[in-house]
PDB file of all heavy atoms in Angstrom:
ATOM      1  N   SER A   1     164.613  11.459  27.812  1.00  0.00           N
ATOM      2  CA  SER A   1     165.051  12.023  29.086  1.00  0.00           C
ATOM      3  C   SER A   1     163.862  12.649  29.802  1.00  0.00           C
ATOM      4  O   SER A   1     162.926  13.143  29.159  1.00  0.00           O
ATOM      5  CB  SER A   1     166.132  13.096  28.844  1.00  0.00           C
ATOM      6  OG  SER A   1     167.233  12.550  28.157  1.00  0.00           O
ATOM      7  N   VAL A   2     163.890  12.626  31.134  1.00  0.00           N
ATOM      8  CA  VAL A   2     162.849  13.246  31.941  1.00  0.00           C
ATOM      9  C   VAL A   2     163.516  14.089  33.024  1.00  0.00           C
ATOM     10  O   VAL A   2     164.700  13.939  33.309  1.00  0.00           O
ATOM     11  CB  VAL A   2     161.912  12.202  32.591  1.00  0.00           C
ATOM     12  CG1 VAL A   2     161.240  11.351  31.536  1.00  0.00           C
ATOM     13  CG2 VAL A   2     162.658  11.339  33.589  1.00  0.00           C
ATOM     14  N   LEU A   3     162.729  14.975  33.625  1.00  0.00           N
ATOM     15  CA  LEU A   3     163.199  15.785  34.739  1.00  0.00           C
ATOM     16  C   LEU A   3     162.224  15.616  35.889  1.00  0.00           C
ATOM     17  O   LEU A   3     161.009  15.757  35.710  1.00  0.00           O
ATOM     18  CB  LEU A   3     163.288  17.261  34.333  1.00  0.00           C
ATOM     19  CG  LEU A   3     163.770  18.241  35.401  1.00  0.00           C
ATOM     20  CD1 LEU A   3     165.212  17.942  35.796  1.00  0.00           C
ATOM     21  CD2 LEU A   3     163.656  19.686  34.894  1.00  0.00           C
ATOM     22  N   LEU A   4     162.760  15.289  37.081  1.00  0.00           N
ATOM     23  CA  LEU A   4     161.930  15.074  38.265  1.00  0.00           C
ATOM     24  C   LEU A   4     162.126  16.204  39.263  1.00  0.00           C
ATOM     25  O   LEU A   4     163.212  16.758  39.378  1.00  0.00           O
ATOM     26  CB  LEU A   4     162.288  13.747  38.944  1.00  0.00           C
ATOM     27  CG  LEU A   4     162.060  12.461  38.153  1.00  0.00           C
ATOM     28  CD1 LEU A   4     162.550  11.267  38.965  1.00  0.00           C
ATOM     29  CD2 LEU A   4     160.601  12.291  37.795  1.00  0.00           C
ATOM     30  N   ALA A   5     161.053  16.490  40.010  1.00  0.00           N
ATOM     31  CA  ALA A   5     161.133  17.460  41.101  1.00  0.00           C
ATOM     32  C   ALA A   5     161.626  16.752  42.355  1.00  0.00           C
ATOM     33  O   ALA A   5     161.782  15.535  42.393  1.00  0.00           O
ATOM     34  CB  ALA A   5     159.759  18.079  41.348  1.00  0.00           C
ATOM     35  N   HIS A   6     161.870  17.520  43.422  1.00  0.00           N
ATOM     36  CA  HIS A   6     162.339  16.948  44.682  1.00  0.00           C
ATOM     37  C   HIS A   6     161.373  15.907  45.222  1.00  0.00           C
ATOM     38  O   HIS A   6     161.778  14.932  45.853  1.00  0.00           O
ATOM     39  CB  HIS A   6     162.531  18.045  45.733  1.00  0.00           C
ATOM     40  CG  HIS A   6     163.646  18.992  45.431  1.00  0.00           C
ATOM     41  ND1 HIS A   6     164.960  18.593  45.351  1.00  0.00           N
ATOM     42  CD2 HIS A   6     163.647  20.327  45.177  1.00  0.00           C
ATOM     43  CE1 HIS A   6     165.728  19.634  45.066  1.00  0.00           C
ATOM     44  NE2 HIS A   6     164.960  20.696  44.947  1.00  0.00           N
ATOM     45  N   ASN A   7     160.070  16.109  44.976  1.00  0.00           N
ATOM     46  CA  ASN A   7     159.074  15.180  45.520  1.00  0.00           C
ATOM     47  C   ASN A   7     158.818  13.991  44.604  1.00  0.00           C
ATOM     48  O   ASN A   7     157.954  13.167  44.872  1.00  0.00           O
ATOM     49  CB  ASN A   7     157.754  15.918  45.793  1.00  0.00           C
ATOM     50  CG  ASN A   7     157.143  16.501  44.528  1.00  0.00           C
ATOM     51  OD1 ASN A   7     157.634  16.281  43.419  1.00  0.00           O
ATOM     52  ND2 ASN A   7     156.061  17.248  44.688  1.00  0.00           N
ATOM     53  N   GLY A   8     159.563  13.898  43.498  1.00  0.00           N
ATOM     54  CA  GLY A   8     159.425  12.764  42.607  1.00  0.00           C
ATOM     55  C   GLY A   8     158.417  12.960  41.490  1.00  0.00           C
ATOM     56  O   GLY A   8     158.266  12.089  40.631  1.00  0.00           O
ATOM     57  N   SER A   9     157.717  14.089  41.452  1.00  0.00           N
ATOM     58  CA  SER A   9     156.776  14.336  40.358  1.00  0.00           C
ATOM     59  C   SER A   9     157.544  14.736  39.104  1.00  0.00           C
ATOM     60  O   SER A   9     158.655  15.255  39.173  1.00  0.00           O
ATOM     61  CB  SER A   9     155.781  15.435  40.748  1.00  0.00           C
ATOM     62  OG  SER A   9     156.464  16.659  40.968  1.00  0.00           O
ATOM     63  N   TYR A  10     156.937  14.472  37.961  1.00  0.00           N
ATOM     64  CA  TYR A  10     157.582  14.807  36.692  1.00  0.00           C
ATOM     65  C   TYR A  10     157.467  16.306  36.418  1.00  0.00           C
ATOM     66  O   TYR A  10     156.385  16.884  36.471  1.00  0.00           O
ATOM     67  CB  TYR A  10     156.939  14.037  35.540  1.00  0.00           C
ATOM     68  CG  TYR A  10     157.205  12.551  35.560  1.00  0.00           C
ATOM     69  CD1 TYR A  10     156.188  11.650  35.880  1.00  0.00           C
ATOM     70  CD2 TYR A  10     158.460  12.039  35.276  1.00  0.00           C
ATOM     71  CE1 TYR A  10     156.416  10.286  35.904  1.00  0.00           C
ATOM     72  CE2 TYR A  10     158.701  10.681  35.299  1.00  0.00           C
ATOM     73  CZ  TYR A  10     157.679   9.809  35.618  1.00  0.00           C
ATOM     74  OH  TYR A  10     157.913   8.464  35.644  1.00  0.00           O
ATOM     75  N   ILE A  11     158.601  16.920  36.098  1.00  0.00           N
ATOM     76  CA  ILE A  11     158.603  18.301  35.626  1.00  0.00           C
ATOM     77  C   ILE A  11     158.569  18.309  34.111  1.00  0.00           C
ATOM     78  O   ILE A  11     157.847  19.074  33.477  1.00  0.00           O
ATOM     79  CB  ILE A  11     159.856  19.056  36.122  1.00  0.00           C
ATOM     80  CG1 ILE A  11     159.903  19.072  37.644  1.00  0.00           C
ATOM     81  CG2 ILE A  11     159.863  20.487  35.579  1.00  0.00           C
ATOM     82  CD1 ILE A  11     161.162  19.710  38.202  1.00  0.00           C
ATOM     83  N   VAL A  12     159.381  17.428  33.505  1.00  0.00           N
ATOM     84  CA  VAL A  12     159.436  17.291  32.051  1.00  0.00           C
ATOM     85  C   VAL A  12     159.298  15.808  31.723  1.00  0.00           C
ATOM     86  O   VAL A  12     159.991  14.962  32.294  1.00  0.00           O
ATOM     87  CB  VAL A  12     160.756  17.826  31.473  1.00  0.00           C
ATOM     88  CG1 VAL A  12     160.798  17.627  29.953  1.00  0.00           C
ATOM     89  CG2 VAL A  12     160.931  19.297  31.808  1.00  0.00           C
ATOM     90  N   HIS A  13     158.393  15.489  30.794  1.00  0.00           N
ATOM     91  CA  HIS A  13     158.204  14.104  30.344  1.00  0.00           C
ATOM     92  C   HIS A  13     157.562  14.164  28.954  1.00  0.00           C
ATOM     93  O   HIS A  13     156.678  14.989  28.717  1.00  0.00           O
ATOM     94  CB  HIS A  13     157.291  13.351  31.328  1.00  0.00           C
ATOM     95  CG  HIS A  13     157.330  11.864  31.168  1.00  0.00           C
ATOM     96  ND1 HIS A  13     156.797  11.224  30.077  1.00  0.00           N
ATOM     97  CD2 HIS A  13     157.854  10.885  31.947  1.00  0.00           C
ATOM     98  CE1 HIS A  13     156.979   9.915  30.192  1.00  0.00           C
ATOM     99  NE2 HIS A  13     157.625   9.695  31.322  1.00  0.00           N
ATOM    100  N   PRO A  14     157.997  13.303  28.029  1.00  0.00           N
ATOM    101  CA  PRO A  14     157.401  13.336  26.682  1.00  0.00           C
ATOM    102  C   PRO A  14     155.919  12.977  26.671  1.00  0.00           C
ATOM    103  O   PRO A  14     155.186  13.395  25.779  1.00  0.00           O
ATOM    104  CB  PRO A  14     158.233  12.304  25.894  1.00  0.00           C
ATOM    105  CG  PRO A  14     158.886  11.446  26.929  1.00  0.00           C
ATOM    106  CD  PRO A  14     159.102  12.326  28.113  1.00  0.00           C
ATOM    107  N   ASP A  15     155.464  12.196  27.665  1.00  0.00           N
ATOM    108  CA  ASP A  15     154.045  11.885  27.805  1.00  0.00           C
ATOM    109  C   ASP A  15     153.414  12.936  28.702  1.00  0.00           C
ATOM    110  O   ASP A  15     153.577  12.921  29.920  1.00  0.00           O
ATOM    111  CB  ASP A  15     153.885  10.481  28.410  1.00  0.00           C
ATOM    112  CG  ASP A  15     152.418  10.079  28.546  1.00  0.00           C
ATOM    113  OD1 ASP A  15     151.541  10.905  28.219  1.00  0.00           O
ATOM    114  OD2 ASP A  15     152.158   8.946  28.996  1.00  0.00           O
ATOM    115  N   LYS A  16     152.658  13.849  28.106  1.00  0.00           N
ATOM    116  CA  LYS A  16     152.121  14.976  28.860  1.00  0.00           C
ATOM    117  C   LYS A  16     151.161  14.548  29.964  1.00  0.00           C
ATOM    118  O   LYS A  16     150.970  15.270  30.940  1.00  0.00           O
ATOM    119  CB  LYS A  16     151.421  15.960  27.910  1.00  0.00           C
ATOM    120  CG  LYS A  16     152.392  16.674  26.972  1.00  0.00           C
ATOM    121  CD  LYS A  16     151.689  17.720  26.125  1.00  0.00           C
ATOM    122  CE  LYS A  16     152.687  18.440  25.228  1.00  0.00           C
ATOM    123  NZ  LYS A  16     152.025  19.452  24.373  1.00  0.00           N
ATOM    124  N   ASP A  17     150.558  13.364  29.827  1.00  0.00           N
ATOM    125  CA  ASP A  17     149.659  12.887  30.881  1.00  0.00           C
ATOM    126  C   ASP A  17     150.408  12.671  32.193  1.00  0.00           C
ATOM    127  O   ASP A  17     149.829  12.772  33.276  1.00  0.00           O
ATOM    128  CB  ASP A  17     148.993  11.572  30.453  1.00  0.00           C
ATOM    129  CG  ASP A  17     147.980  11.778  29.333  1.00  0.00           C
ATOM    130  OD1 ASP A  17     147.513  12.928  29.169  1.00  0.00           O
ATOM    131  OD2 ASP A  17     147.676  10.802  28.617  1.00  0.00           O
ATOM    132  N   LYS A  18     151.696  12.349  32.077  1.00  0.00           N
ATOM    133  CA  LYS A  18     152.499  12.126  33.282  1.00  0.00           C
ATOM    134  C   LYS A  18     152.645  13.405  34.103  1.00  0.00           C
ATOM    135  O   LYS A  18     152.826  13.357  35.318  1.00  0.00           O
ATOM    136  CB  LYS A  18     153.895  11.618  32.900  1.00  0.00           C
ATOM    137  CG  LYS A  18     153.914  10.228  32.286  1.00  0.00           C
ATOM    138  CD  LYS A  18     153.689   9.173  33.337  1.00  0.00           C
ATOM    139  CE  LYS A  18     153.868   7.773  32.788  1.00  0.00           C
ATOM    140  NZ  LYS A  18     153.598   6.737  33.788  1.00  0.00           N
ATOM    141  N   LEU A  19     152.581  14.558  33.438  1.00  0.00           N
ATOM    142  CA  LEU A  19     152.823  15.828  34.121  1.00  0.00           C
ATOM    143  C   LEU A  19     151.696  16.185  35.081  1.00  0.00           C
ATOM    144  O   LEU A  19     151.896  16.962  36.007  1.00  0.00           O
ATOM    145  CB  LEU A  19     153.011  16.950  33.092  1.00  0.00           C
ATOM    146  CG  LEU A  19     154.148  16.741  32.088  1.00  0.00           C
ATOM    147  CD1 LEU A  19     154.213  17.898  31.103  1.00  0.00           C
ATOM    148  CD2 LEU A  19     155.483  16.586  32.806  1.00  0.00           C
ATOM    149  N   SER A  20     150.522  15.620  34.854  1.00  0.00           N
ATOM    150  CA  SER A  20     149.385  15.919  35.727  1.00  0.00           C
ATOM    151  C   SER A  20     149.183  14.843  36.783  1.00  0.00           C
ATOM    152  O   SER A  20     148.288  14.955  37.626  1.00  0.00           O
ATOM    153  CB  SER A  20     148.099  16.058  34.893  1.00  0.00           C
ATOM    154  OG  SER A  20     147.846  14.862  34.169  1.00  0.00           O
ATOM    155  N   ASN A  21     150.004  13.790  36.750  1.00  0.00           N
ATOM    156  CA  ASN A  21     149.884  12.714  37.727  1.00  0.00           C
ATOM    157  C   ASN A  21     150.589  13.080  39.024  1.00  0.00           C
ATOM    158  O   ASN A  21     151.469  13.943  39.031  1.00  0.00           O
ATOM    159  CB  ASN A  21     150.493  11.418  37.175  1.00  0.00           C
ATOM    160  CG  ASN A  21     149.578  10.753  36.165  1.00  0.00           C
ATOM    161  OD1 ASN A  21     148.374  10.979  36.160  1.00  0.00           O
ATOM    162  ND2 ASN A  21     150.150   9.942  35.299  1.00  0.00           N
ATOM    163  N   PRO A  22     150.248  12.409  40.118  1.00  0.00           N
ATOM    164  CA  PRO A  22     150.973  12.643  41.370  1.00  0.00           C
ATOM    165  C   PRO A  22     152.391  12.116  41.260  1.00  0.00           C
ATOM    166  O   PRO A  22     152.794  11.570  40.233  1.00  0.00           O
ATOM    167  CB  PRO A  22     150.159  11.851  42.394  1.00  0.00           C
ATOM    168  CG  PRO A  22     149.468  10.795  41.594  1.00  0.00           C
ATOM    169  CD  PRO A  22     149.167  11.440  40.272  1.00  0.00           C
ATOM    170  N   ALA A  23     153.149  12.255  42.326  1.00  0.00           N
ATOM    171  CA  ALA A  23     154.532  11.796  42.323  1.00  0.00           C
ATOM    172  C   ALA A  23     154.600  10.326  41.941  1.00  0.00           C
ATOM    173  O   ALA A  23     153.735   9.540  42.286  1.00  0.00           O
ATOM    174  CB  ALA A  23     155.152  12.003  43.707  1.00  0.00           C
ATOM    175  N   VAL A  24     155.649   9.965  41.202  1.00  0.00           N
ATOM    176  CA  VAL A  24     155.798   8.594  40.731  1.00  0.00           C
ATOM    177  C   VAL A  24     155.832   7.608  41.896  1.00  0.00           C
ATOM    178  O   VAL A  24     155.447   6.454  41.771  1.00  0.00           O
ATOM    179  CB  VAL A  24     157.073   8.462  39.867  1.00  0.00           C
ATOM    180  CG1 VAL A  24     158.325   8.623  40.700  1.00  0.00           C
ATOM    181  CG2 VAL A  24     157.094   7.118  39.142  1.00  0.00           C
ATOM    182  N   PHE A  25     156.229   8.052  43.075  1.00  0.00           N
ATOM    183  CA  PHE A  25     156.289   7.177  44.238  1.00  0.00           C
ATOM    184  C   PHE A  25     154.905   6.679  44.650  1.00  0.00           C
ATOM    185  O   PHE A  25     154.772   5.665  45.301  1.00  0.00           O
ATOM    186  CB  PHE A  25     156.906   7.904  45.435  1.00  0.00           C
ATOM    187  CG  PHE A  25     158.279   8.446  45.163  1.00  0.00           C
ATOM    188  CD1 PHE A  25     158.721   9.587  45.799  1.00  0.00           C
ATOM    189  CD2 PHE A  25     159.136   7.827  44.274  1.00  0.00           C
ATOM    190  CE1 PHE A  25     159.991  10.094  45.561  1.00  0.00           C
ATOM    191  CE2 PHE A  25     160.404   8.316  44.027  1.00  0.00           C
ATOM    192  CZ  PHE A  25     160.833   9.459  44.670  1.00  0.00           C
ATOM    193  N   SER A  26     153.861   7.427  44.299  1.00  0.00           N
ATOM    194  CA  SER A  26     152.522   7.061  44.741  1.00  0.00           C
ATOM    195  C   SER A  26     151.693   6.456  43.620  1.00  0.00           C
ATOM    196  O   SER A  26     150.478   6.397  43.705  1.00  0.00           O
ATOM    197  CB  SER A  26     151.799   8.303  45.292  1.00  0.00           C
ATOM    198  OG  SER A  26     151.638   9.273  44.276  1.00  0.00           O
ATOM    199  N   GLN A  27     152.346   5.992  42.548  1.00  0.00           N
ATOM    200  CA  GLN A  27     151.618   5.501  41.388  1.00  0.00           C
ATOM    201  C   GLN A  27     151.463   3.981  41.368  1.00  0.00           C
ATOM    202  O   GLN A  27     151.217   3.391  40.328  1.00  0.00           O
ATOM    203  CB  GLN A  27     152.305   5.968  40.098  1.00  0.00           C
ATOM    204  CG  GLN A  27     152.181   7.470  39.893  1.00  0.00           C
ATOM    205  CD  GLN A  27     152.795   7.905  38.579  1.00  0.00           C
ATOM    206  OE1 GLN A  27     153.216   7.080  37.793  1.00  0.00           O
ATOM    207  NE2 GLN A  27     152.845   9.190  38.336  1.00  0.00           N
ATOM    208  N   LYS A  28     151.604   3.313  42.517  1.00  0.00           N
ATOM    209  CA  LYS A  28     151.466   1.865  42.552  1.00  0.00           C
ATOM    210  C   LYS A  28     150.080   1.440  42.073  1.00  0.00           C
ATOM    211  O   LYS A  28     149.917   0.405  41.438  1.00  0.00           O
ATOM    212  CB  LYS A  28     151.721   1.349  43.968  1.00  0.00           C
ATOM    213  CG  LYS A  28     153.159   1.513  44.422  1.00  0.00           C
ATOM    214  CD  LYS A  28     153.351   0.956  45.828  1.00  0.00           C
ATOM    215  CE  LYS A  28     154.790   1.144  46.288  1.00  0.00           C
ATOM    216  NZ  LYS A  28     155.018   0.639  47.658  1.00  0.00           N
ATOM    217  N   GLU A  29     149.069   2.254  42.399  1.00  0.00           N
ATOM    218  CA  GLU A  29     147.721   1.891  42.009  1.00  0.00           C
ATOM    219  C   GLU A  29     147.529   2.013  40.501  1.00  0.00           C
ATOM    220  O   GLU A  29     146.533   1.582  39.951  1.00  0.00           O
ATOM    221  CB  GLU A  29     146.697   2.781  42.738  1.00  0.00           C
ATOM    222  CG  GLU A  29     146.693   4.249  42.326  1.00  0.00           C
ATOM    223  CD  GLU A  29     147.783   5.061  43.015  1.00  0.00           C
ATOM    224  OE1 GLU A  29     148.574   4.451  43.751  1.00  0.00           O
ATOM    225  OE2 GLU A  29     147.825   6.276  42.812  1.00  0.00           O
ATOM    226  N   GLN A  30     148.497   2.624  39.794  1.00  0.00           N
ATOM    227  CA  GLN A  30     148.416   2.759  38.346  1.00  0.00           C
ATOM    228  C   GLN A  30     149.289   1.719  37.652  1.00  0.00           C
ATOM    229  O   GLN A  30     149.708   1.898  36.527  1.00  0.00           O
ATOM    230  CB  GLN A  30     148.845   4.166  37.933  1.00  0.00           C
ATOM    231  CG  GLN A  30     147.973   5.246  38.554  1.00  0.00           C
ATOM    232  CD  GLN A  30     148.428   6.646  38.163  1.00  0.00           C
ATOM    233  OE1 GLN A  30     149.052   6.815  37.120  1.00  0.00           O
ATOM    234  NE2 GLN A  30     148.130   7.623  38.988  1.00  0.00           N
ATOM    235  N   ASN A  31     149.544   0.616  38.347  1.00  0.00           N
ATOM    236  CA  ASN A  31     150.311  -0.498  37.789  1.00  0.00           C
ATOM    237  C   ASN A  31     151.732  -0.117  37.392  1.00  0.00           C
ATOM    238  O   ASN A  31     152.279  -0.633  36.424  1.00  0.00           O
ATOM    239  CB  ASN A  31     149.583  -1.091  36.572  1.00  0.00           C
ATOM    240  CG  ASN A  31     148.221  -1.667  36.935  1.00  0.00           C
ATOM    241  OD1 ASN A  31     148.078  -2.303  37.978  1.00  0.00           O
ATOM    242  ND2 ASN A  31     147.226  -1.411  36.093  1.00  0.00           N
ATOM    243  N   VAL A  32     152.320   0.786  38.119  1.00  0.00           N
ATOM    244  CA  VAL A  32     153.721   1.118  37.902  1.00  0.00           C
ATOM    245  C   VAL A  32     154.583   0.031  38.529  1.00  0.00           C
ATOM    246  O   VAL A  32     154.358  -0.346  39.686  1.00  0.00           O
ATOM    247  CB  VAL A  32     154.071   2.499  38.508  1.00  0.00           C
ATOM    248  CG1 VAL A  32     155.566   2.762  38.396  1.00  0.00           C
ATOM    249  CG2 VAL A  32     153.283   3.585  37.799  1.00  0.00           C
ATOM    250  N   ASP A  33     155.529  -0.482  37.774  1.00  0.00           N
ATOM    251  CA  ASP A  33     156.388  -1.538  38.285  1.00  0.00           C
ATOM    252  C   ASP A  33     157.242  -1.008  39.441  1.00  0.00           C
ATOM    253  O   ASP A  33     157.737   0.112  39.377  1.00  0.00           O
ATOM    254  CB  ASP A  33     157.298  -2.057  37.157  1.00  0.00           C
ATOM    255  CG  ASP A  33     157.983  -3.356  37.543  1.00  0.00           C
ATOM    256  OD1 ASP A  33     159.060  -3.277  38.164  1.00  0.00           O
ATOM    257  OD2 ASP A  33     157.443  -4.414  37.222  1.00  0.00           O
ATOM    258  N   PRO A  34     157.410  -1.796  40.510  1.00  0.00           N
ATOM    259  CA  PRO A  34     158.223  -1.344  41.657  1.00  0.00           C
ATOM    260  C   PRO A  34     159.637  -0.946  41.254  1.00  0.00           C
ATOM    261  O   PRO A  34     160.221  -0.052  41.867  1.00  0.00           O
ATOM    262  CB  PRO A  34     158.241  -2.573  42.579  1.00  0.00           C
ATOM    263  CG  PRO A  34     156.996  -3.323  42.232  1.00  0.00           C
ATOM    264  CD  PRO A  34     156.784  -3.109  40.772  1.00  0.00           C
ATOM    265  N   SER A  35     160.182  -1.579  40.210  1.00  0.00           N
ATOM    266  CA  SER A  35     161.539  -1.247  39.777  1.00  0.00           C
ATOM    267  C   SER A  35     161.622   0.175  39.249  1.00  0.00           C
ATOM    268  O   SER A  35     162.640   0.848  39.386  1.00  0.00           O
ATOM    269  CB  SER A  35     162.014  -2.233  38.705  1.00  0.00           C
ATOM    270  OG  SER A  35     161.188  -2.176  37.549  1.00  0.00           O
ATOM    271  N   GLU A  36     160.517   0.673  38.643  1.00  0.00           N
ATOM    272  CA  GLU A  36     160.503   2.053  38.148  1.00  0.00           C
ATOM    273  C   GLU A  36     160.489   3.037  39.311  1.00  0.00           C
ATOM    274  O   GLU A  36     161.146   4.085  39.271  1.00  0.00           O
ATOM    275  CB  GLU A  36     159.289   2.291  37.249  1.00  0.00           C
ATOM    276  CG  GLU A  36     159.255   3.693  36.656  1.00  0.00           C
ATOM    277  CD  GLU A  36     158.041   3.963  35.793  1.00  0.00           C
ATOM    278  OE1 GLU A  36     157.253   3.013  35.544  1.00  0.00           O
ATOM    279  OE2 GLU A  36     157.863   5.115  35.365  1.00  0.00           O
ATOM    280  N   ILE A  37     159.740   2.695  40.358  1.00  0.00           N
ATOM    281  CA  ILE A  37     159.697   3.551  41.542  1.00  0.00           C
ATOM    282  C   ILE A  37     161.071   3.618  42.187  1.00  0.00           C
ATOM    283  O   ILE A  37     161.525   4.686  42.608  1.00  0.00           O
ATOM    284  CB  ILE A  37     158.636   3.027  42.530  1.00  0.00           C
ATOM    285  CG1 ILE A  37     157.242   3.123  41.892  1.00  0.00           C
ATOM    286  CG2 ILE A  37     158.680   3.821  43.821  1.00  0.00           C
ATOM    287  CD1 ILE A  37     156.132   2.561  42.756  1.00  0.00           C
ATOM    288  N   GLU A  38     161.759   2.474  42.266  1.00  0.00           N
ATOM    289  CA  GLU A  38     163.099   2.451  42.848  1.00  0.00           C
ATOM    290  C   GLU A  38     164.061   3.290  42.020  1.00  0.00           C
ATOM    291  O   GLU A  38     164.918   3.986  42.561  1.00  0.00           O
ATOM    292  CB  GLU A  38     163.601   1.007  42.955  1.00  0.00           C
ATOM    293  CG  GLU A  38     162.872   0.178  44.006  1.00  0.00           C
ATOM    294  CD  GLU A  38     162.926   0.820  45.380  1.00  0.00           C
ATOM    295  OE1 GLU A  38     164.031   1.263  45.789  1.00  0.00           O
ATOM    296  OE2 GLU A  38     161.873   0.921  46.046  1.00  0.00           O
ATOM    297  N   ALA A  39     163.930   3.227  40.700  1.00  0.00           N
ATOM    298  CA  ALA A  39     164.793   4.031  39.826  1.00  0.00           C
ATOM    299  C   ALA A  39     164.533   5.521  40.036  1.00  0.00           C
ATOM    300  O   ALA A  39     165.458   6.333  40.086  1.00  0.00           O
ATOM    301  CB  ALA A  39     164.559   3.650  38.361  1.00  0.00           C
ATOM    302  N   ALA A  40     163.253   5.880  40.181  1.00  0.00           N
ATOM    303  CA  ALA A  40     162.902   7.283  40.414  1.00  0.00           C
ATOM    304  C   ALA A  40     163.467   7.772  41.745  1.00  0.00           C
ATOM    305  O   ALA A  40     163.979   8.885  41.847  1.00  0.00           O
ATOM    306  CB  ALA A  40     161.387   7.463  40.376  1.00  0.00           C
TER     307      ALA A  40
END
């Protein structure tokens, strides 16, 4: 399970590196699949 903020950034995630990343919406350059962005 994860917890997202209003802006789409991770508040809680088992991968701690995710917590320092920008909002998941802006992670296209990090090879995030578009389906994950839509889910977020």
